[in-house]
């Protein structure tokens, strides 16, 4: 016999639901979705992770560290910049990028720790 993974009786806690509805701010959710979409692409995640490990990297460093072409690295760095996750500066003929926000660095560190510890730990 298989166990049902849904409620067999429809009822809910009105107070909890009301608190959750107030907490589920649509702008916050949209912002979080945008952030997670930005790092959902594996190559872009590699780029963001590389940036999280150093204060600043030139496009050539990012391309070599991630095993991608200069064009691919540039594309993903521009996407991160456009999303407000990366900062950019030019020095002569070199283009440098860094993470815009320490919280993104922390998010990536947390995700790394979570992955290394095993995603089922704590369930």
C-alpha atoms as a PDB file:
ATOM      1  CA  UNK A   1       0.000   0.000   0.000  1.00  0.00           C
ATOM      2  CA  UNK A   2       1.393   3.400  -0.924  1.00  0.00           C
ATOM      3  CA  UNK A   3       1.214   6.340   1.402  1.00  0.00           C
ATOM      4  CA  UNK A   4      -0.511   9.459   0.064  1.00  0.00           C
ATOM      5  CA  UNK A   5       1.695  12.531   0.098  1.00  0.00           C
ATOM      6  CA  UNK A   6      -1.232  14.953   0.194  1.00  0.00           C
ATOM      7  CA  UNK A   7      -3.803  15.869   2.814  1.00  0.00           C
ATOM      8  CA  UNK A   8      -6.791  13.609   2.870  1.00  0.00           C
ATOM      9  CA  UNK A   9      -8.879  16.314   4.495  1.00  0.00           C
ATOM     10  CA  UNK A  10      -8.958  19.934   3.307  1.00  0.00           C
ATOM     11  CA  UNK A  11      -8.410  22.314   6.198  1.00  0.00           C
ATOM     12  CA  UNK A  12      -5.910  25.037   6.992  1.00  0.00           C
ATOM     13  CA  UNK A  13      -4.690  27.267   9.806  1.00  0.00           C
ATOM     14  CA  UNK A  14      -6.109  30.704   8.985  1.00  0.00           C
ATOM     15  CA  UNK A  15      -3.635  32.596  11.192  1.00  0.00           C
ATOM     16  CA  UNK A  16      -0.603  30.874   9.645  1.00  0.00           C
ATOM     17  CA  UNK A  17      -1.924  31.366   6.123  1.00  0.00           C
ATOM     18  CA  UNK A  18      -2.597  35.071   6.770  1.00  0.00           C
ATOM     19  CA  UNK A  19       0.963  35.558   8.146  1.00  0.00           C
ATOM     20  CA  UNK A  20       2.429  33.759   5.144  1.00  0.00           C
ATOM     21  CA  UNK A  21       0.356  35.749   2.670  1.00  0.00           C
ATOM     22  CA  UNK A  22       1.629  38.958   4.235  1.00  0.00           C
ATOM     23  CA  UNK A  23       5.216  37.679   4.132  1.00  0.00           C
ATOM     24  CA  UNK A  24       5.028  36.588   0.477  1.00  0.00           C
ATOM     25  CA  UNK A  25       5.806  40.022  -0.911  1.00  0.00           C
ATOM     26  CA  UNK A  26       5.518  39.835  -4.712  1.00  0.00           C
ATOM     27  CA  UNK A  27       8.499  42.167  -5.269  1.00  0.00           C
ATOM     28  CA  UNK A  28      10.678  40.079  -2.966  1.00  0.00           C
ATOM     29  CA  UNK A  29       9.640  36.876  -4.718  1.00  0.00           C
ATOM     30  CA  UNK A  30      10.296  38.399  -8.148  1.00  0.00           C
ATOM     31  CA  UNK A  31      13.725  39.590  -7.008  1.00  0.00           C
ATOM     32  CA  UNK A  32      14.627  36.193  -5.606  1.00  0.00           C
ATOM     33  CA  UNK A  33      13.428  34.473  -8.780  1.00  0.00           C
ATOM     34  CA  UNK A  34      15.606  36.819 -10.829  1.00  0.00           C
ATOM     35  CA  UNK A  35      18.628  36.056  -8.654  1.00  0.00           C
ATOM     36  CA  UNK A  36      18.107  32.301  -8.848  1.00  0.00           C
ATOM     37  CA  UNK A  37      17.513  32.466 -12.618  1.00  0.00           C
ATOM     38  CA  UNK A  38      20.795  34.357 -12.962  1.00  0.00           C
ATOM     39  CA  UNK A  39      22.769  31.591 -11.308  1.00  0.00           C
ATOM     40  CA  UNK A  40      20.674  28.676 -12.590  1.00  0.00           C
ATOM     41  CA  UNK A  41      22.766  28.483 -15.771  1.00  0.00           C
ATOM     42  CA  UNK A  42      25.787  26.247 -15.035  1.00  0.00           C
ATOM     43  CA  UNK A  43      28.305  28.402 -16.887  1.00  0.00           C
ATOM     44  CA  UNK A  44      27.020  31.596 -15.289  1.00  0.00           C
ATOM     45  CA  UNK A  45      27.141  29.865 -11.900  1.00  0.00           C
ATOM     46  CA  UNK A  46      30.775  28.948 -12.555  1.00  0.00           C
ATOM     47  CA  UNK A  47      31.489  32.584 -13.436  1.00  0.00           C
ATOM     48  CA  UNK A  48      29.727  33.878 -10.312  1.00  0.00           C
ATOM     49  CA  UNK A  49      31.478  31.271  -8.174  1.00  0.00           C
ATOM     50  CA  UNK A  50      34.871  32.282  -9.597  1.00  0.00           C
ATOM     51  CA  UNK A  51      34.075  35.907  -8.766  1.00  0.00           C
ATOM     52  CA  UNK A  52      33.042  34.882  -5.259  1.00  0.00           C
ATOM     53  CA  UNK A  53      36.470  33.350  -4.632  1.00  0.00           C
ATOM     54  CA  UNK A  54      38.487  36.444  -5.611  1.00  0.00           C
ATOM     55  CA  UNK A  55      37.981  40.162  -5.063  1.00  0.00           C
ATOM     56  CA  UNK A  56      38.251  40.906  -8.768  1.00  0.00           C
ATOM     57  CA  UNK A  57      39.017  39.032 -11.994  1.00  0.00           C
ATOM     58  CA  UNK A  58      39.699  40.100 -15.553  1.00  0.00           C
ATOM     59  CA  UNK A  59      37.642  38.476 -18.300  1.00  0.00           C
ATOM     60  CA  UNK A  60      40.655  36.382 -19.357  1.00  0.00           C
ATOM     61  CA  UNK A  61      41.019  34.969 -15.832  1.00  0.00           C
ATOM     62  CA  UNK A  62      37.312  34.089 -15.720  1.00  0.00           C
ATOM     63  CA  UNK A  63      37.459  32.393 -19.135  1.00  0.00           C
ATOM     64  CA  UNK A  64      40.466  30.296 -18.166  1.00  0.00           C
ATOM     65  CA  UNK A  65      39.181  29.437 -14.685  1.00  0.00           C
ATOM     66  CA  UNK A  66      35.807  28.300 -16.023  1.00  0.00           C
ATOM     67  CA  UNK A  67      37.122  26.593 -19.149  1.00  0.00           C
ATOM     68  CA  UNK A  68      35.097  28.828 -21.439  1.00  0.00           C
ATOM     69  CA  UNK A  69      35.946  31.100 -24.341  1.00  0.00           C
ATOM     70  CA  UNK A  70      36.477  34.837 -23.888  1.00  0.00           C
ATOM     71  CA  UNK A  71      33.196  35.464 -25.703  1.00  0.00           C
ATOM     72  CA  UNK A  72      31.282  33.101 -23.411  1.00  0.00           C
ATOM     73  CA  UNK A  73      32.872  34.521 -20.266  1.00  0.00           C
ATOM     74  CA  UNK A  74      32.150  38.078 -21.443  1.00  0.00           C
ATOM     75  CA  UNK A  75      28.544  37.179 -22.231  1.00  0.00           C
ATOM     76  CA  UNK A  76      27.927  35.762 -18.759  1.00  0.00           C
ATOM     77  CA  UNK A  77      29.789  38.573 -17.002  1.00  0.00           C
ATOM     78  CA  UNK A  78      27.675  41.145 -18.863  1.00  0.00           C
ATOM     79  CA  UNK A  79      24.530  39.251 -17.854  1.00  0.00           C
ATOM     80  CA  UNK A  80      25.589  39.301 -14.198  1.00  0.00           C
ATOM     81  CA  UNK A  81      26.367  43.022 -14.480  1.00  0.00           C
ATOM     82  CA  UNK A  82      23.008  43.741 -16.121  1.00  0.00           C
ATOM     83  CA  UNK A  83      21.262  41.912 -13.268  1.00  0.00           C
ATOM     84  CA  UNK A  84      23.142  44.020 -10.720  1.00  0.00           C
ATOM     85  CA  UNK A  85      25.178  41.114  -9.391  1.00  0.00           C
ATOM     86  CA  UNK A  86      28.574  42.102 -10.800  1.00  0.00           C
ATOM     87  CA  UNK A  87      30.503  45.355 -10.989  1.00  0.00           C
ATOM     88  CA  UNK A  88      32.714  46.257 -13.937  1.00  0.00           C
ATOM     89  CA  UNK A  89      35.734  48.469 -14.447  1.00  0.00           C
ATOM     90  CA  UNK A  90      38.095  49.002 -17.345  1.00  0.00           C
ATOM     91  CA  UNK A  91      41.837  49.468 -16.900  1.00  0.00           C
ATOM     92  CA  UNK A  92      43.559  50.142 -20.194  1.00  0.00           C
ATOM     93  CA  UNK A  93      42.690  47.219 -22.435  1.00  0.00           C
ATOM     94  CA  UNK A  94      41.665  44.936 -19.571  1.00  0.00           C
ATOM     95  CA  UNK A  95      38.108  44.519 -18.273  1.00  0.00           C
ATOM     96  CA  UNK A  96      37.704  43.564 -14.608  1.00  0.00           C
ATOM     97  CA  UNK A  97      34.639  42.233 -12.828  1.00  0.00           C
ATOM     98  CA  UNK A  98      33.794  41.683  -9.190  1.00  0.00           C
ATOM     99  CA  UNK A  99      30.716  40.645  -7.261  1.00  0.00           C
ATOM    100  CA  UNK A 100      28.585  43.687  -6.527  1.00  0.00           C
ATOM    101  CA  UNK A 101      27.208  42.442  -3.241  1.00  0.00           C
ATOM    102  CA  UNK A 102      28.724  40.461  -0.355  1.00  0.00           C
ATOM    103  CA  UNK A 103      25.366  38.735   0.133  1.00  0.00           C
ATOM    104  CA  UNK A 104      25.747  36.969  -3.235  1.00  0.00           C
ATOM    105  CA  UNK A 105      29.165  35.755  -2.101  1.00  0.00           C
ATOM    106  CA  UNK A 106      27.547  34.420   1.094  1.00  0.00           C
ATOM    107  CA  UNK A 107      24.733  32.774  -0.869  1.00  0.00           C
ATOM    108  CA  UNK A 108      27.235  30.945  -3.068  1.00  0.00           C
ATOM    109  CA  UNK A 109      29.284  29.903  -0.011  1.00  0.00           C
ATOM    110  CA  UNK A 110      26.115  28.586   1.660  1.00  0.00           C
ATOM    111  CA  UNK A 111      25.111  26.705  -1.492  1.00  0.00           C
ATOM    112  CA  UNK A 112      28.595  25.207  -1.723  1.00  0.00           C
ATOM    113  CA  UNK A 113      28.523  24.069   1.913  1.00  0.00           C
ATOM    114  CA  UNK A 114      25.025  22.674   1.458  1.00  0.00           C
ATOM    115  CA  UNK A 115      26.103  20.709  -1.612  1.00  0.00           C
ATOM    116  CA  UNK A 116      29.257  19.379   0.017  1.00  0.00           C
ATOM    117  CA  UNK A 117      27.386  18.284   3.141  1.00  0.00           C
ATOM    118  CA  UNK A 118      24.844  16.445   1.024  1.00  0.00           C
ATOM    119  CA  UNK A 119      21.509  17.890   0.060  1.00  0.00           C
ATOM    120  CA  UNK A 120      19.549  15.395   2.189  1.00  0.00           C
ATOM    121  CA  UNK A 121      21.302  16.232   5.482  1.00  0.00           C
ATOM    122  CA  UNK A 122      18.893  17.825   7.935  1.00  0.00           C
ATOM    123  CA  UNK A 123      15.692  16.656   6.266  1.00  0.00           C
END
